Amino acid sequence: MPTPGADVFIGLDLGTSGLKGVAIDHGGVILASARADYPTARPEPGASEQEPAHWIRALHSVVSELSASVAPNRWASIGLSAMIPTLVLADDEGTPIGPAITWEDSRAEAEGELLRDTVGPDLLYQTTGQWVDGRYLLPMAMRLTTANGRSNQATQLLGAKDWLFGWLTGSPATDPATATGSGCFDLASGTWNAQVEEFAHRAVRRQLPRLAPLAESTHVQMLTRAAATSLGLPRDIPVALGAADAVAGVLGLGVEDPGDVVYLAGTSTVIIGLGTTPSIDPQHRYLLTPMAFSGYGYEMDLLATGSGLAWLAQLLAVDGGAAGVSQLARDVDPHSADVPVFLPYVAPGEQGALWDPLLTGIVEELTMRTGPGELVRAFSNGIVLESRRCISVLDAITPRRGDIHVAGQGIDSNLLRELADSTGRVVHQCGDPAAPHSAVGAAAIGAKAVGALVAIEHRLDDGEVVHPDEAKAEAWALLASRHDQCRLRNRRSP
């Protein structure tokens, strides 16, 4: 049970661009929130690196701001969430060996392909529920071993949250949802698959660092004296291991009905269909993720959505980043003949329902009538059409054709309408689009870890509700056909 008088639960979400923190009460009401950003380095093509020291600097800032709003003696627990897969190689003391490699990094595609081919792609997918590519922890570590021997100096192969939990408590650990980002988590047994690990070791002809111990999301350790002193917190605050950001985000939205779809828009977009069974797709179009408390998520991730719009804003010299450039598209009819076809794979590569690392952004049908608005409209169409593709996969596998619950950055009435019309499903905006839902979910996990209940209810009247216009379905189907014809014409061979 929480310490007497401690009635507030803290959630910390280590995201792609910043660390977000919230303090919530037993009713799920956000009492305080804070955010601190950190940079991403891109020293070469395909690279995406961050410094764990910057995460800790952000942690100090967020904890300080939350403490100023809600006294730490009221903190009953701290729950964690983080981006996956992001690799931290560390020594026995937890000191990082070089920068963290984030999920945006695409330099280990060859190692991902080698691991799939060595194990067998179908067997690896059936074992892990993942179509393992170069953005998973094992291939990332394999690349670092062969490229510069960096992993030879490390003894621990950790995800971002595994490492942060270790920094706070002195004992790194990983939960099942985060463990799926390693490439060797065995869904059936809930353990690391020794055979896949051995194949990875053989592929690089040396022993890779050890993976973090596995534990449930509600696993708790106390703050170390050093961490408590550094953060200005009491030592008796329990820290819950928490879950991957998308899983925590679903929990933070209060969406739990099987068949419903959660659509989390941000730097990338995560689409999760909720189900009760670990159903494997023979075409490996989705990832299978254990949810925080029960059930499974059928997950598909669009790599470049918010980040792609931010890139367009920079390219077109539009103020306001992704939100600013999106305004250019709002007055442009998505079905206008002046709108070109824009394949939105500017990461490059795509996961979603396609899993093709060779896909790149392509624009067709440019004319002198194409202006900035039409170009952004075309990119937005591409995002909607890839979202439509993912949700159509879920139509066949979930127990009911439920509603789509949308949250995150860049959400406006246009996107809600287009998702509804293109998919034929009712779409709900989940309250404040900018609310840190993953941090709220992390706080709820922390509450459960200490025996407390937090009521996070998804109230349908919190945000806009859009019903599909059946008359628009054919127009979106025609756009989808143009989109796919362009993709097939421009398909690259391995």
Protein backbone atom coordinates (compact mmCIF):
# COMPACT_ATOMS: atom_id res chain seq x y z
CA MET A 1 0.00 0.00 0.00
CA PRO A 2 1.09 3.62 -0.54
CA THR A 3 2.72 5.51 2.33
CA PRO A 4 0.05 7.14 4.55
CA GLY A 5 -0.72 10.60 3.18
CA ALA A 6 0.72 9.78 -0.25
CA ASP A 7 -2.21 10.23 -2.63
CA VAL A 8 -0.59 11.22 -5.94
CA PHE A 9 0.90 9.01 -8.64
CA ILE A 10 3.71 10.16 -10.93
CA GLY A 11 4.16 9.02 -14.52
CA LEU A 12 7.33 9.63 -16.54
CA ASP A 13 7.47 9.00 -20.28
CA LEU A 14 10.88 9.02 -21.99
CA GLY A 15 9.78 9.92 -25.52
CA THR A 16 11.53 10.43 -28.83
CA SER A 17 11.90 14.19 -28.50
CA GLY A 18 11.44 14.82 -24.80
CA LEU A 19 10.60 13.50 -21.34
CA LYS A 20 7.06 14.13 -20.15
CA GLY A 21 5.86 13.86 -16.59
CA VAL A 22 2.46 13.99 -14.89
CA ALA A 23 1.02 13.82 -11.40
CA ILE A 24 -2.46 12.29 -11.23
CA ASP A 25 -4.90 11.56 -8.42
CA HIS A 26 -7.09 8.50 -7.78
CA GLY A 27 -9.63 9.80 -10.29
CA GLY A 28 -7.08 10.03 -13.07
CA VAL A 29 -7.16 13.82 -13.01
CA ILE A 30 -3.88 15.47 -14.05
CA LEU A 31 -2.78 17.69 -11.17
CA ALA A 32 0.50 18.81 -12.74
CA SER A 33 2.51 18.15 -15.88
CA ALA A 34 5.94 19.03 -17.18
CA ARG A 35 8.13 18.42 -20.20
CA ALA A 36 11.82 18.81 -21.06
CA ASP A 37 13.21 18.19 -24.54
CA TYR A 38 16.56 16.80 -25.67
CA PRO A 39 18.31 16.72 -29.07
CA THR A 40 18.79 13.86 -31.52
CA ALA A 41 22.12 13.65 -33.34
CA ARG A 42 22.23 12.40 -36.94
CA PRO A 43 25.99 12.13 -37.63
CA GLU A 44 25.59 10.08 -40.83
CA PRO A 45 22.80 8.88 -43.15
CA GLY A 46 20.35 6.69 -41.29
CA ALA A 47 21.75 7.60 -37.87
CA SER A 48 19.63 8.65 -34.89
CA GLU A 49 21.47 8.97 -31.58
CA GLN A 50 20.77 10.51 -28.19
CA GLU A 51 22.84 11.00 -25.07
CA PRO A 52 21.46 9.31 -21.92
CA ALA A 53 23.01 12.20 -19.96
CA HIS A 54 20.52 14.47 -21.73
CA TRP A 55 17.67 12.20 -20.57
CA ILE A 56 18.84 12.60 -16.98
CA ARG A 57 19.08 16.36 -17.39
CA ALA A 58 15.48 16.33 -18.64
CA LEU A 59 14.49 14.05 -15.75
CA HIS A 60 15.87 16.58 -13.24
CA SER A 61 13.93 19.37 -14.93
CA VAL A 62 10.64 17.48 -15.02
CA VAL A 63 10.90 16.17 -11.45
CA SER A 64 11.77 19.65 -10.20
CA GLU A 65 8.74 21.15 -11.93
CA LEU A 66 6.38 18.43 -10.68
CA SER A 67 7.79 18.77 -7.16
CA ALA A 68 7.07 22.48 -7.21
CA SER A 69 3.41 21.75 -8.00
CA VAL A 70 2.85 18.64 -5.87
CA ALA A 71 4.98 18.08 -2.75
CA PRO A 72 7.08 14.89 -3.05
CA ASN A 73 5.80 13.64 0.33
CA ARG A 74 2.47 13.10 -1.46
CA TRP A 75 4.06 10.92 -4.18
CA ALA A 76 2.84 7.35 -3.68
CA SER A 77 4.76 5.89 -6.63
CA ILE A 78 6.55 6.62 -9.90
CA GLY A 79 5.69 4.65 -13.04
CA LEU A 80 7.76 4.62 -16.23
CA SER A 81 7.16 4.55 -19.97
CA ALA A 82 9.59 4.97 -22.87
CA MET A 83 10.09 4.80 -26.61
CA ILE A 84 11.03 1.43 -28.06
CA PRO A 85 13.23 0.03 -29.43
CA THR A 86 16.06 2.31 -28.29
CA LEU A 87 19.40 0.73 -27.39
CA VAL A 88 21.68 1.59 -24.49
CA LEU A 89 24.89 -0.40 -24.11
CA ALA A 90 26.22 -0.08 -20.57
CA ASP A 91 28.88 -1.48 -18.26
CA ASP A 92 28.26 -3.26 -14.96
CA GLU A 93 27.81 0.08 -13.18
CA GLY A 94 25.15 1.18 -15.66
CA THR A 95 27.41 3.74 -17.34
CA PRO A 96 26.48 4.04 -21.03
CA ILE A 97 29.11 3.04 -23.57
CA GLY A 98 28.56 5.69 -26.22
CA PRO A 99 25.27 7.31 -27.27
CA ALA A 100 21.90 5.57 -27.27
CA ILE A 101 20.67 4.35 -30.65
CA THR A 102 17.01 5.29 -31.10
CA TRP A 103 14.26 3.46 -32.95
CA GLU A 104 14.61 5.95 -35.83
CA ASP A 105 18.10 4.61 -36.64
CA SER A 106 18.15 2.50 -39.82
CA ARG A 107 21.84 1.52 -39.99
CA ALA A 108 21.38 -2.08 -38.82
CA GLU A 109 19.11 -3.30 -41.63
CA ALA A 110 21.76 -5.77 -42.84
CA GLU A 111 22.08 -7.22 -39.33
CA GLY A 112 18.30 -7.46 -38.99
CA GLU A 113 18.10 -9.32 -42.28
CA LEU A 114 20.97 -11.60 -41.22
CA LEU A 115 19.20 -12.46 -37.96
CA ARG A 116 15.91 -13.17 -39.76
CA ASP A 117 17.61 -15.35 -42.37
CA THR A 118 19.67 -17.22 -39.77
CA VAL A 119 16.74 -18.03 -37.49
CA GLY A 120 14.18 -18.24 -40.30
CA PRO A 121 11.86 -15.28 -40.84
CA ASP A 122 8.61 -17.17 -40.20
CA LEU A 123 9.96 -18.93 -37.11
CA LEU A 124 11.31 -15.65 -35.71
CA TYR A 125 7.96 -13.93 -36.24
CA GLN A 126 5.98 -16.83 -34.77
CA THR A 127 8.30 -16.90 -31.74
CA THR A 128 8.50 -13.18 -31.01
CA GLY A 129 5.41 -11.71 -32.69
CA GLN A 130 7.80 -9.27 -34.39
CA TRP A 131 9.07 -8.90 -37.95
CA VAL A 132 12.55 -8.17 -36.69
CA ASP A 133 14.46 -5.59 -38.71
CA GLY A 134 17.42 -3.30 -38.09
CA ARG A 135 15.47 -1.14 -35.63
CA TYR A 136 15.49 -3.87 -32.93
CA LEU A 137 18.01 -4.06 -30.10
CA LEU A 138 19.81 -7.27 -31.10
CA PRO A 139 20.55 -6.15 -34.69
CA MET A 140 21.59 -2.71 -33.41
CA ALA A 141 24.05 -4.33 -30.99
CA MET A 142 25.27 -6.68 -33.73
CA ARG A 143 26.05 -3.69 -35.96
CA LEU A 144 27.96 -1.91 -33.22
CA THR A 145 30.00 -5.04 -32.58
CA THR A 146 31.03 -5.47 -36.20
CA ALA A 147 31.36 -1.75 -36.97
CA ASN A 148 33.53 -0.54 -34.12
CA GLY A 149 33.64 -3.16 -31.40
CA ARG A 150 31.73 -0.87 -29.07
CA SER A 151 29.66 -3.66 -27.55
CA ASN A 152 32.90 -5.38 -26.49
CA GLN A 153 33.24 -2.74 -23.79
CA ALA A 154 29.66 -3.23 -22.58
CA THR A 155 28.20 -5.92 -20.34
CA GLN A 156 24.52 -4.88 -20.51
CA LEU A 157 22.26 -4.64 -23.58
CA LEU A 158 19.35 -2.46 -22.47
CA GLY A 159 16.34 -0.61 -23.77
CA ALA A 160 15.95 3.06 -22.87
CA LYS A 161 13.47 2.37 -20.07
CA ASP A 162 15.48 -0.61 -18.81
CA TRP A 163 18.41 1.74 -18.35
CA LEU A 164 16.35 4.54 -16.79
CA PHE A 165 14.82 2.10 -14.29
CA GLY A 166 18.35 0.98 -13.42
CA TRP A 167 19.50 4.60 -12.97
CA LEU A 168 16.63 5.22 -10.54
CA THR A 169 16.73 1.94 -8.62
CA GLY A 170 20.16 0.40 -9.22
CA SER A 171 18.63 -2.71 -10.87
CA PRO A 172 17.89 -2.60 -14.62
CA ALA A 173 14.87 -4.64 -15.74
CA THR A 174 12.50 -4.84 -18.68
CA ASP A 175 8.78 -5.55 -19.01
CA PRO A 176 7.17 -7.82 -21.67
CA ALA A 177 5.98 -4.99 -23.93
CA THR A 178 9.40 -3.33 -23.93
CA ALA A 179 11.10 -6.71 -24.34
CA THR A 180 9.36 -7.22 -27.69
CA GLY A 181 11.68 -4.53 -29.05
CA SER A 182 14.72 -6.73 -28.49
CA GLY A 183 14.00 -9.22 -31.25
CA CYS A 184 14.30 -12.30 -29.00
CA PHE A 185 11.41 -12.17 -26.50
CA ASP A 186 9.50 -15.45 -26.59
CA LEU A 187 5.78 -14.66 -26.40
CA ALA A 188 4.72 -18.18 -25.44
CA SER A 189 7.10 -18.59 -22.51
CA GLY A 190 7.49 -14.95 -21.48
CA THR A 191 11.28 -15.38 -21.41
CA TRP A 192 14.27 -14.55 -23.59
CA ASN A 193 14.60 -17.10 -26.38
CA ALA A 194 18.04 -18.66 -25.92
CA GLN A 195 18.12 -20.01 -29.48
CA VAL A 196 17.62 -16.56 -31.05
CA GLU A 197 20.25 -15.09 -28.71
CA GLU A 198 22.69 -17.82 -29.69
CA PHE A 199 22.09 -17.16 -33.40
CA ALA A 200 22.87 -13.47 -32.82
CA HIS A 201 26.12 -14.35 -31.00
CA ARG A 202 27.16 -16.71 -33.80
CA ALA A 203 26.38 -14.15 -36.49
CA VAL A 204 28.95 -11.72 -35.08
CA ARG A 205 31.29 -14.47 -33.82
CA ARG A 206 31.36 -13.15 -30.26
CA GLN A 207 29.22 -12.91 -27.14
CA LEU A 208 26.89 -9.91 -27.04
CA PRO A 209 26.16 -8.12 -23.74
CA ARG A 210 23.46 -9.64 -21.53
CA LEU A 211 19.83 -8.59 -21.79
CA ALA A 212 17.97 -7.08 -18.83
CA PRO A 213 16.12 -9.34 -16.37
CA LEU A 214 12.42 -9.72 -17.23
CA ALA A 215 9.67 -8.60 -14.85
CA GLU A 216 6.02 -7.55 -14.96
CA SER A 217 5.02 -3.95 -15.58
CA THR A 218 4.07 -3.63 -11.91
CA HIS A 219 7.49 -4.79 -10.68
CA VAL A 220 8.69 -2.29 -8.04
CA GLN A 221 12.07 -1.21 -6.69
CA MET A 222 12.84 1.69 -4.38
CA LEU A 223 14.82 4.75 -5.37
CA THR A 224 18.51 4.46 -4.59
CA ARG A 225 19.99 6.92 -2.13
CA ALA A 226 22.04 8.47 -4.97
CA ALA A 227 19.01 8.91 -7.26
CA ALA A 228 16.81 10.29 -4.46
CA THR A 229 19.48 12.78 -3.43
CA SER A 230 20.15 13.82 -7.03
CA LEU A 231 16.44 14.41 -7.71
CA GLY A 232 15.62 15.91 -4.32
CA LEU A 233 13.09 13.15 -3.52
CA PRO A 234 12.41 10.98 -0.45
CA ARG A 235 14.00 7.52 -0.63
CA ASP A 236 10.76 5.70 0.20
CA ILE A 237 9.10 6.33 -3.19
CA PRO A 238 8.54 3.04 -5.07
CA VAL A 239 9.38 3.01 -8.80
CA ALA A 240 7.29 0.73 -11.04
CA LEU A 241 8.90 -0.72 -14.15
CA GLY A 242 6.01 0.37 -16.38
CA ALA A 243 5.57 -0.37 -20.08
CA ALA A 244 6.44 0.66 -23.62
CA ASP A 245 5.10 4.07 -24.60
CA ALA A 246 2.33 2.82 -26.90
CA VAL A 247 1.08 0.31 -24.35
CA ALA A 248 1.11 2.91 -21.60
CA GLY A 249 -0.64 5.31 -23.97
CA VAL A 250 -3.54 2.90 -24.49
CA LEU A 251 -3.88 2.54 -20.73
CA GLY A 252 -3.71 6.31 -20.27
CA LEU A 253 -6.57 6.79 -22.71
CA GLY A 254 -8.81 4.36 -20.87
CA VAL A 255 -9.56 2.37 -24.04
CA GLU A 256 -9.97 -1.33 -23.28
CA ASP A 257 -12.71 -2.88 -25.43
CA PRO A 258 -11.48 -5.66 -27.78
CA GLY A 259 -11.98 -4.61 -31.39
CA ASP A 260 -11.39 -0.92 -30.72
CA VAL A 261 -8.39 0.78 -32.31
CA VAL A 262 -6.05 3.29 -30.65
CA TYR A 263 -4.39 5.78 -33.00
CA LEU A 264 -1.46 7.59 -31.33
CA ALA A 265 -0.05 10.37 -33.52
CA GLY A 266 3.34 11.90 -32.83
CA THR A 267 6.80 11.80 -34.38
CA SER A 268 5.59 8.49 -35.75
CA THR A 269 2.05 7.11 -35.58
CA VAL A 270 1.22 3.94 -33.65
CA ILE A 271 -1.94 2.05 -34.55
CA ILE A 272 -3.01 -0.66 -32.09
CA GLY A 273 -6.01 -2.96 -32.39
CA LEU A 274 -7.05 -4.48 -29.07
CA GLY A 275 -7.61 -8.21 -28.74
CA THR A 276 -7.65 -11.01 -26.21
CA THR A 277 -5.54 -13.67 -27.93
CA PRO A 278 -1.95 -13.78 -29.28
CA SER A 279 -3.01 -14.18 -32.92
CA ILE A 280 -0.09 -14.40 -35.35
CA ASP A 281 -0.60 -13.00 -38.86
CA PRO A 282 0.77 -15.32 -41.60
CA GLN A 283 1.69 -12.21 -43.63
CA HIS A 284 3.45 -10.59 -40.62
CA ARG A 285 1.58 -7.34 -41.22
CA TYR A 286 1.38 -6.42 -37.55
CA LEU A 287 3.41 -6.79 -34.38
CA LEU A 288 2.00 -8.65 -31.41
CA THR A 289 2.47 -6.79 -28.14
CA PRO A 290 1.46 -7.90 -24.61
CA MET A 291 -0.55 -5.14 -22.99
CA ALA A 292 0.26 -3.86 -19.50
CA PHE A 293 -2.29 -5.85 -17.50
CA SER A 294 -4.08 -8.26 -19.85
CA GLY A 295 -4.74 -8.91 -23.53
CA TYR A 296 -2.69 -8.15 -26.62
CA GLY A 297 -2.19 -5.30 -29.04
CA TYR A 298 -1.97 -5.84 -32.78
CA GLU A 299 0.41 -3.00 -33.56
CA MET A 300 1.46 -1.23 -36.75
CA ASP A 301 3.77 1.80 -36.74
CA LEU A 302 3.99 4.45 -39.46
CA LEU A 303 7.55 5.71 -39.25
CA ALA A 304 7.32 9.25 -40.64
CA THR A 305 4.16 11.19 -39.80
CA GLY A 306 4.77 14.11 -37.43
CA SER A 307 8.47 13.98 -38.28
CA GLY A 308 7.63 14.03 -42.00
CA LEU A 309 5.38 17.06 -41.61
CA ALA A 310 8.09 18.83 -39.59
CA TRP A 311 10.54 18.08 -42.43
CA LEU A 312 8.11 19.57 -44.96
CA ALA A 313 7.74 22.67 -42.77
CA GLN A 314 11.50 23.12 -42.84
CA LEU A 315 11.68 22.44 -46.56
CA LEU A 316 8.93 24.94 -47.35
CA ALA A 317 10.13 27.49 -44.73
CA VAL A 318 6.81 27.41 -42.87
CA ASP A 319 6.73 28.58 -39.25
CA GLY A 320 5.23 26.36 -36.58
CA GLY A 321 6.66 22.98 -37.57
CA ALA A 322 4.24 20.13 -38.26
CA ALA A 323 1.23 22.07 -36.95
CA GLY A 324 2.09 25.11 -39.05
CA VAL A 325 2.56 23.23 -42.29
CA SER A 326 -0.64 21.21 -41.75
CA GLN A 327 -2.64 24.43 -41.97
CA LEU A 328 -1.58 24.72 -45.62
CA ALA A 329 -3.47 21.53 -46.44
CA ARG A 330 -6.71 22.29 -44.64
CA ASP A 331 -8.26 24.27 -47.50
CA VAL A 332 -7.19 21.78 -50.17
CA ASP A 333 -9.66 19.06 -51.18
CA PRO A 334 -7.88 15.70 -50.69
CA HIS A 335 -9.52 14.44 -53.89
CA SER A 336 -8.59 17.42 -56.05
CA ALA A 337 -6.98 16.63 -59.41
CA ASP A 338 -4.27 19.14 -58.54
CA VAL A 339 -3.07 17.04 -55.58
CA PRO A 340 -0.17 14.77 -56.57
CA VAL A 341 0.54 11.29 -55.22
CA PHE A 342 3.05 11.40 -52.36
CA LEU A 343 4.31 8.15 -50.87
CA PRO A 344 5.12 9.20 -47.28
CA TYR A 345 8.08 6.88 -46.66
CA VAL A 346 10.59 9.64 -45.94
CA ALA A 347 12.17 7.95 -42.88
CA PRO A 348 13.21 6.03 -45.20
CA GLY A 349 11.63 2.59 -45.11
CA GLU A 350 8.24 1.71 -43.67
CA GLN A 351 6.76 -0.64 -41.13
CA GLY A 352 3.01 -0.15 -40.88
CA ALA A 353 1.42 -3.13 -42.64
CA LEU A 354 4.15 -3.25 -45.32
CA TRP A 355 7.50 -3.89 -43.56
CA ASP A 356 9.72 -2.79 -46.41
CA PRO A 357 13.02 -1.07 -45.49
CA LEU A 358 13.62 -0.12 -49.14
CA LEU A 359 10.60 2.17 -49.46
CA THR A 360 11.40 5.86 -49.90
CA GLY A 361 9.34 8.99 -50.32
CA ILE A 362 8.16 9.51 -53.91
CA VAL A 363 6.06 12.26 -55.49
CA GLU A 364 4.26 11.70 -58.79
CA GLU A 365 2.00 13.89 -60.93
CA LEU A 366 3.60 17.23 -60.08
CA THR A 367 2.42 20.10 -62.28
CA MET A 368 2.81 23.88 -62.31
CA ARG A 369 -0.52 23.98 -60.45
CA THR A 370 1.09 22.18 -57.50
CA GLY A 371 1.65 24.63 -54.69
CA PRO A 372 2.83 24.16 -51.09
CA GLY A 373 -0.73 23.40 -49.97
CA GLU A 374 -1.19 20.70 -52.58
CA LEU A 375 2.18 19.16 -51.72
CA VAL A 376 1.40 18.99 -48.00
CA ARG A 377 -2.11 17.76 -48.80
CA ALA A 378 -0.57 14.93 -50.84
CA PHE A 379 1.70 13.93 -47.96
CA SER A 380 -1.24 14.02 -45.54
CA ASN A 381 -3.23 11.85 -47.96
CA GLY A 382 -0.36 9.37 -47.89
CA ILE A 383 -0.52 9.17 -44.10
CA VAL A 384 -4.30 8.64 -44.16
CA LEU A 385 -4.00 5.94 -46.83
CA GLU A 386 -1.31 4.04 -44.92
CA SER A 387 -3.50 4.35 -41.80
CA ARG A 388 -6.40 2.96 -43.84
CA ARG A 389 -4.24 0.03 -44.93
CA CYS A 390 -3.33 -0.81 -41.31
CA ILE A 391 -6.90 -0.55 -40.03
CA SER A 392 -8.19 -2.74 -42.88
CA VAL A 393 -5.86 -5.49 -41.59
CA LEU A 394 -7.50 -5.21 -38.17
CA ASP A 395 -10.97 -5.55 -39.75
CA ALA A 396 -10.31 -9.24 -40.32
CA ILE A 397 -8.67 -10.22 -37.02
CA THR A 398 -10.33 -8.35 -34.16
CA PRO A 399 -13.52 -9.72 -32.56
CA ARG A 400 -15.56 -6.66 -33.53
CA ARG A 401 -15.16 -3.68 -35.81
CA GLY A 402 -14.85 -1.13 -33.06
CA ASP A 403 -14.22 2.59 -32.99
CA ILE A 404 -10.95 4.44 -33.56
CA HIS A 405 -9.69 6.50 -30.60
CA VAL A 406 -7.30 9.22 -31.72
CA ALA A 407 -4.82 11.11 -29.55
CA GLY A 408 -1.50 12.87 -29.85
CA GLN A 409 0.09 15.64 -31.87
CA GLY A 410 -1.33 17.23 -35.00
CA ILE A 411 -4.91 16.06 -34.45
CA ASP A 412 -7.54 18.27 -36.06
CA SER A 413 -11.07 17.92 -37.44
CA ASN A 414 -9.72 17.25 -40.94
CA LEU A 415 -7.74 14.19 -39.82
CA LEU A 416 -10.67 12.84 -37.80
CA ARG A 417 -13.00 13.21 -40.77
CA GLU A 418 -10.55 11.65 -43.20
CA LEU A 419 -9.86 8.67 -40.94
CA ALA A 420 -13.60 8.08 -40.50
CA ASP A 421 -14.43 8.39 -44.20
CA SER A 422 -11.47 6.32 -45.42
CA THR A 423 -11.93 3.45 -42.91
CA GLY A 424 -15.70 3.43 -42.45
CA ARG A 425 -15.31 3.51 -38.65
CA VAL A 426 -16.49 5.95 -36.00
CA VAL A 427 -13.58 8.11 -34.83
CA HIS A 428 -13.24 9.67 -31.36
CA GLN A 429 -10.81 12.37 -30.42
CA CYS A 430 -9.63 11.51 -26.92
CA GLY A 431 -9.87 14.73 -24.93
CA ASP A 432 -6.90 17.10 -25.09
CA PRO A 433 -4.77 16.07 -28.11
CA ALA A 434 -1.66 17.31 -26.36
CA ALA A 435 -2.21 15.40 -23.10
CA PRO A 436 0.73 13.11 -22.22
CA HIS A 437 -1.28 9.87 -22.37
CA SER A 438 1.73 7.56 -22.08
CA ALA A 439 2.82 9.36 -18.91
CA VAL A 440 -0.72 9.03 -17.52
CA GLY A 441 -0.65 5.29 -18.30
CA ALA A 442 2.74 4.98 -16.61
CA ALA A 443 1.28 6.67 -13.51
CA ALA A 444 -1.65 4.20 -13.54
CA ILE A 445 0.81 1.28 -13.66
CA GLY A 446 2.68 2.80 -10.74
CA ALA A 447 -0.57 3.09 -8.81
CA LYS A 448 -1.50 -0.55 -9.39
CA ALA A 449 2.02 -1.60 -8.41
CA VAL A 450 1.45 -0.25 -4.89
CA GLY A 451 -2.09 -1.62 -4.57
CA ALA A 452 -3.97 1.56 -5.43
CA LEU A 453 -6.71 2.01 -8.00
CA VAL A 454 -6.78 4.86 -10.48
CA ALA A 455 -9.95 5.42 -12.46
CA ILE A 456 -9.00 6.39 -15.99
CA GLU A 457 -12.17 6.46 -17.99
CA HIS A 458 -12.43 7.31 -21.65
CA ARG A 459 -15.31 9.77 -21.80
CA LEU A 460 -16.70 9.94 -25.32
CA ASP A 461 -17.91 13.49 -24.83
CA ASP A 462 -14.39 14.70 -23.99
CA GLY A 463 -13.55 15.28 -27.66
CA GLU A 464 -14.98 15.36 -31.15
CA VAL A 465 -16.84 12.31 -32.48
CA VAL A 466 -17.00 11.78 -36.26
CA HIS A 467 -19.19 9.25 -38.06
CA PRO A 468 -18.11 8.07 -41.51
CA ASP A 469 -19.70 9.52 -44.62
CA GLU A 470 -20.38 6.46 -46.78
CA ALA A 471 -20.53 8.65 -49.91
CA LYS A 472 -16.80 9.41 -49.48
CA ALA A 473 -15.70 5.76 -49.28
CA GLU A 474 -15.37 5.27 -53.04
CA ALA A 475 -13.29 8.44 -53.47
CA TRP A 476 -10.84 7.23 -50.81
CA ALA A 477 -10.73 3.79 -52.42
CA LEU A 478 -9.72 5.42 -55.71
CA LEU A 479 -6.97 7.40 -53.96
CA ALA A 480 -5.77 4.16 -52.34
CA SER A 481 -5.56 2.53 -55.76
CA ARG A 482 -3.46 5.43 -57.16
CA HIS A 483 -1.26 5.29 -54.07
CA ASP A 484 -0.59 1.56 -54.43
CA GLN A 485 -0.03 1.74 -58.18
CA CYS A 486 2.64 4.36 -57.57
CA ARG A 487 4.26 2.20 -54.87
CA LEU A 488 4.31 -0.89 -57.11
CA ARG A 489 5.68 1.03 -60.11
CA ASN A 490 8.53 2.34 -58.01
CA ARG A 491 9.30 -0.79 -55.98
CA ARG A 492 13.02 -1.29 -55.47
CA SER A 493 14.69 -4.67 -55.45
CA PRO A 494 16.89 -5.74 -52.52
